[in-house]
Amino acid sequence: MSEHDQRHGTRRRNAELDTEQRPRTPLQLHVPNDVSEFAIRRFVEGIISELKQSPVGVEYTSTTLLGTKRTQYIAQGSGTMFQKRLYDPRLGWREESVRQLTVQDDLVARLTLDRPVEDGQWARRRDCCRLRPVGVLRRR
């Protein structure tokens, strides 16, 4: 292997490692993605940490044939319980309280999707998970 190939290979491995350590900044990730499940779990842990410390919530948006569906999580009180807000264009808003582990499992499951589950492949390509200020989430 030439010196150029060795340097390029080292640079590529370093870039891959960097991606594994910090999947995306700011805290936003699109689906589908090429991030490993380990990195996604760390990403979700970072989101949960931010939800507990700052007046922000996380919103997962998915585009379907019928419109944009939204799932929002906002920490309540000490951060062990979260308000889950669901928006479906046909049904409107629904709300429920869920535990932190439920939030983590749901976000990991959604962010690790590598192929569409419903509504055709074009729709899943527009999915996005991002942090937003609580005031912005409540106005949606």
C-alpha atoms as a PDB file:
ATOM      1  CA  MET A   1       0.000   0.000   0.000  1.00  0.00           C
ATOM      2  CA  SER A   2       1.412   3.402  -0.912  1.00  0.00           C
ATOM      3  CA  GLU A   3       1.975   6.188   1.621  1.00  0.00           C
ATOM      4  CA  HIS A   4      -0.950   8.149   0.110  1.00  0.00           C
ATOM      5  CA  ASP A   5      -3.294   5.164   0.508  1.00  0.00           C
ATOM      6  CA  GLN A   6      -2.190   4.675   4.111  1.00  0.00           C
ATOM      7  CA  ARG A   7      -2.817   8.333   4.978  1.00  0.00           C
ATOM      8  CA  HIS A   8      -6.206   8.264   3.224  1.00  0.00           C
ATOM      9  CA  GLY A   9      -7.170   5.055   5.027  1.00  0.00           C
ATOM     10  CA  THR A  10      -6.169   6.539   8.390  1.00  0.00           C
ATOM     11  CA  ARG A  11      -8.121   9.712   7.699  1.00  0.00           C
ATOM     12  CA  ARG A  12     -11.176   7.661   6.736  1.00  0.00           C
ATOM     13  CA  ARG A  13     -10.994   5.515   9.894  1.00  0.00           C
ATOM     14  CA  ASN A  14     -10.674   8.678  11.997  1.00  0.00           C
ATOM     15  CA  ALA A  15     -13.713  10.183  10.270  1.00  0.00           C
ATOM     16  CA  GLU A  16     -15.718   7.008  10.894  1.00  0.00           C
ATOM     17  CA  LEU A  17     -14.682   7.004  14.549  1.00  0.00           C
ATOM     18  CA  ASP A  18     -15.628  10.667  14.862  1.00  0.00           C
ATOM     19  CA  THR A  19     -19.070   9.875  13.425  1.00  0.00           C
ATOM     20  CA  GLU A  20     -19.477   7.034  15.920  1.00  0.00           C
ATOM     21  CA  GLN A  21     -18.595   9.276  18.856  1.00  0.00           C
ATOM     22  CA  ARG A  22     -20.719  12.251  17.801  1.00  0.00           C
ATOM     23  CA  PRO A  23     -23.440  11.128  15.381  1.00  0.00           C
ATOM     24  CA  ARG A  24     -24.737  14.593  14.478  1.00  0.00           C
ATOM     25  CA  THR A  25     -24.575  18.120  15.816  1.00  0.00           C
ATOM     26  CA  PRO A  26     -26.669  20.014  16.583  1.00  0.00           C
ATOM     27  CA  LEU A  27     -28.974  17.402  18.062  1.00  0.00           C
ATOM     28  CA  GLN A  28     -30.761  16.512  14.839  1.00  0.00           C
ATOM     29  CA  LEU A  29     -30.810  13.285  12.851  1.00  0.00           C
ATOM     30  CA  HIS A  30     -32.572  12.280   9.636  1.00  0.00           C
ATOM     31  CA  VAL A  31     -33.987   8.849   8.837  1.00  0.00           C
ATOM     32  CA  PRO A  32     -32.853   6.699   7.176  1.00  0.00           C
ATOM     33  CA  ASN A  33     -29.244   7.227   8.183  1.00  0.00           C
ATOM     34  CA  ASP A  34     -25.927   5.396   8.168  1.00  0.00           C
ATOM     35  CA  VAL A  35     -25.264   5.768  11.897  1.00  0.00           C
ATOM     36  CA  SER A  36     -24.696   2.599  13.934  1.00  0.00           C
ATOM     37  CA  GLU A  37     -27.140   1.566  16.633  1.00  0.00           C
ATOM     38  CA  PHE A  38     -24.508   2.275  19.314  1.00  0.00           C
ATOM     39  CA  ALA A  39     -24.090   5.850  18.078  1.00  0.00           C
ATOM     40  CA  ILE A  40     -27.865   6.286  17.887  1.00  0.00           C
ATOM     41  CA  ARG A  41     -28.187   5.133  21.507  1.00  0.00           C
ATOM     42  CA  ARG A  42     -25.580   7.720  22.534  1.00  0.00           C
ATOM     43  CA  PHE A  43     -27.415  10.349  20.481  1.00  0.00           C
ATOM     44  CA  VAL A  44     -30.684   9.511  22.274  1.00  0.00           C
ATOM     45  CA  GLU A  45     -28.941   9.633  25.665  1.00  0.00           C
ATOM     46  CA  GLY A  46     -27.730  13.130  24.749  1.00  0.00           C
ATOM     47  CA  ILE A  47     -31.258  14.150  23.819  1.00  0.00           C
ATOM     48  CA  ILE A  48     -32.681  12.811  27.101  1.00  0.00           C
ATOM     49  CA  SER A  49     -29.995  14.695  29.018  1.00  0.00           C
ATOM     50  CA  GLU A  50     -30.872  17.945  27.198  1.00  0.00           C
ATOM     51  CA  LEU A  51     -34.583  17.411  27.828  1.00  0.00           C
ATOM     52  CA  LYS A  52     -33.935  17.192  31.572  1.00  0.00           C
ATOM     53  CA  GLN A  53     -31.623  20.209  31.734  1.00  0.00           C
ATOM     54  CA  SER A  54     -33.036  22.743  29.269  1.00  0.00           C
ATOM     55  CA  PRO A  55     -36.492  24.049  28.304  1.00  0.00           C
ATOM     56  CA  VAL A  56     -36.474  21.998  25.099  1.00  0.00           C
ATOM     57  CA  GLY A  57     -38.384  19.054  23.732  1.00  0.00           C
ATOM     58  CA  VAL A  58     -37.653  16.530  21.031  1.00  0.00           C
ATOM     59  CA  GLU A  59     -39.827  16.254  17.940  1.00  0.00           C
ATOM     60  CA  TYR A  60     -39.881  13.381  15.468  1.00  0.00           C
ATOM     61  CA  THR A  61     -41.615  14.288  12.212  1.00  0.00           C
ATOM     62  CA  SER A  62     -42.565  11.823   9.510  1.00  0.00           C
ATOM     63  CA  THR A  63     -44.165  12.613   6.198  1.00  0.00           C
ATOM     64  CA  THR A  64     -46.937  10.309   5.053  1.00  0.00           C
ATOM     65  CA  LEU A  65     -49.312  10.331   2.123  1.00  0.00           C
ATOM     66  CA  LEU A  66     -51.864  12.066   4.355  1.00  0.00           C
ATOM     67  CA  GLY A  67     -49.563  14.759   5.734  1.00  0.00           C
ATOM     68  CA  THR A  68     -46.950  15.249   8.424  1.00  0.00           C
ATOM     69  CA  LYS A  69     -47.179  13.258  11.644  1.00  0.00           C
ATOM     70  CA  ARG A  70     -45.428  14.607  14.734  1.00  0.00           C
ATOM     71  CA  THR A  71     -44.359  12.919  17.944  1.00  0.00           C
ATOM     72  CA  GLN A  72     -43.081  15.245  20.655  1.00  0.00           C
ATOM     73  CA  TYR A  73     -41.541  14.483  24.054  1.00  0.00           C
ATOM     74  CA  ILE A  74     -41.269  17.117  26.771  1.00  0.00           C
ATOM     75  CA  ALA A  75     -39.790  16.422  30.225  1.00  0.00           C
ATOM     76  CA  GLN A  76     -42.120  16.869  33.199  1.00  0.00           C
ATOM     77  CA  GLY A  77     -40.963  17.735  36.718  1.00  0.00           C
ATOM     78  CA  SER A  78     -37.764  15.895  37.634  1.00  0.00           C
ATOM     79  CA  GLY A  79     -37.462  14.343  34.171  1.00  0.00           C
ATOM     80  CA  THR A  80     -38.462  10.777  34.977  1.00  0.00           C
ATOM     81  CA  MET A  81     -41.812  11.293  33.265  1.00  0.00           C
ATOM     82  CA  PHE A  82     -42.379  12.855  29.861  1.00  0.00           C
ATOM     83  CA  GLN A  83     -45.369  14.310  28.089  1.00  0.00           C
ATOM     84  CA  LYS A  84     -45.813  12.521  24.765  1.00  0.00           C
ATOM     85  CA  ARG A  85     -47.739  14.578  22.236  1.00  0.00           C
ATOM     86  CA  LEU A  86     -48.883  12.890  19.014  1.00  0.00           C
ATOM     87  CA  TYR A  87     -50.227  14.733  16.001  1.00  0.00           C
ATOM     88  CA  ASP A  88     -51.942  12.993  13.115  1.00  0.00           C
ATOM     89  CA  PRO A  89     -53.445  15.198  10.376  1.00  0.00           C
ATOM     90  CA  ARG A  90     -56.634  13.118  10.425  1.00  0.00           C
ATOM     91  CA  LEU A  91     -57.045  12.834  14.197  1.00  0.00           C
ATOM     92  CA  GLY A  92     -55.452  15.980  15.615  1.00  0.00           C
ATOM     93  CA  TRP A  93     -53.446  16.062  18.870  1.00  0.00           C
ATOM     94  CA  ARG A  94     -53.361  13.372  21.562  1.00  0.00           C
ATOM     95  CA  GLU A  95     -51.329  13.509  24.769  1.00  0.00           C
ATOM     96  CA  GLU A  96     -50.183  10.982  27.364  1.00  0.00           C
ATOM     97  CA  SER A  97     -47.525  10.638  30.054  1.00  0.00           C
ATOM     98  CA  VAL A  98     -44.742   8.096  29.526  1.00  0.00           C
ATOM     99  CA  ARG A  99     -41.592   7.042  31.376  1.00  0.00           C
ATOM    100  CA  GLN A 100     -38.059   7.931  30.307  1.00  0.00           C
ATOM    101  CA  LEU A 101     -37.300   4.353  29.217  1.00  0.00           C
ATOM    102  CA  THR A 102     -40.297   4.415  26.872  1.00  0.00           C
ATOM    103  CA  VAL A 103     -39.006   7.633  25.290  1.00  0.00           C
ATOM    104  CA  GLN A 104     -35.535   6.150  24.816  1.00  0.00           C
ATOM    105  CA  ASP A 105     -36.828   2.907  23.304  1.00  0.00           C
ATOM    106  CA  ASP A 106     -39.205   4.728  20.948  1.00  0.00           C
ATOM    107  CA  LEU A 107     -36.550   7.137  19.668  1.00  0.00           C
ATOM    108  CA  VAL A 108     -33.951   4.389  19.170  1.00  0.00           C
ATOM    109  CA  ALA A 109     -36.492   2.265  17.278  1.00  0.00           C
ATOM    110  CA  ARG A 110     -37.468   5.153  14.997  1.00  0.00           C
ATOM    111  CA  LEU A 111     -33.915   6.343  14.353  1.00  0.00           C
ATOM    112  CA  THR A 112     -32.580   2.881  13.491  1.00  0.00           C
ATOM    113  CA  LEU A 113     -35.102   2.355  10.683  1.00  0.00           C
ATOM    114  CA  ASP A 114     -33.147   1.552   7.544  1.00  0.00           C
ATOM    115  CA  ARG A 115     -36.124   1.061   5.273  1.00  0.00           C
ATOM    116  CA  PRO A 116     -39.658   2.380   5.257  1.00  0.00           C
ATOM    117  CA  VAL A 117     -42.348   0.621   7.219  1.00  0.00           C
ATOM    118  CA  GLU A 118     -45.362   2.429   5.804  1.00  0.00           C
ATOM    119  CA  ASP A 119     -46.500   4.841   3.116  1.00  0.00           C
ATOM    120  CA  GLY A 120     -43.800   4.086   0.577  1.00  0.00           C
ATOM    121  CA  GLN A 121     -40.105   4.754   0.472  1.00  0.00           C
ATOM    122  CA  TRP A 122     -40.362   8.438  -0.497  1.00  0.00           C
ATOM    123  CA  ALA A 123     -42.056   9.314   2.777  1.00  0.00           C
ATOM    124  CA  ARG A 124     -39.518   7.779   5.142  1.00  0.00           C
ATOM    125  CA  ARG A 125     -36.674   9.763   3.571  1.00  0.00           C
ATOM    126  CA  ARG A 126     -38.141  12.936   5.031  1.00  0.00           C
ATOM    127  CA  ASP A 127     -38.227  11.789   8.660  1.00  0.00           C
ATOM    128  CA  CYS A 128     -36.301  13.947  11.092  1.00  0.00           C
ATOM    129  CA  CYS A 129     -35.669  13.995  14.836  1.00  0.00           C
ATOM    130  CA  ARG A 130     -34.587  17.306  16.380  1.00  0.00           C
ATOM    131  CA  LEU A 131     -34.588  19.348  19.562  1.00  0.00           C
ATOM    132  CA  ARG A 132     -36.829  22.409  19.643  1.00  0.00           C
ATOM    133  CA  PRO A 133     -37.691  24.961  22.336  1.00  0.00           C
ATOM    134  CA  VAL A 134     -40.772  23.938  24.325  1.00  0.00           C
ATOM    135  CA  GLY A 135     -42.586  27.138  23.306  1.00  0.00           C
ATOM    136  CA  VAL A 136     -42.184  26.265  19.629  1.00  0.00           C
ATOM    137  CA  LEU A 137     -43.459  22.707  20.180  1.00  0.00           C
ATOM    138  CA  ARG A 138     -46.558  23.862  22.031  1.00  0.00           C
ATOM    139  CA  ARG A 139     -47.472  26.325  19.250  1.00  0.00           C
ATOM    140  CA  ARG A 140     -47.420  23.634  16.550  1.00  0.00           C
END
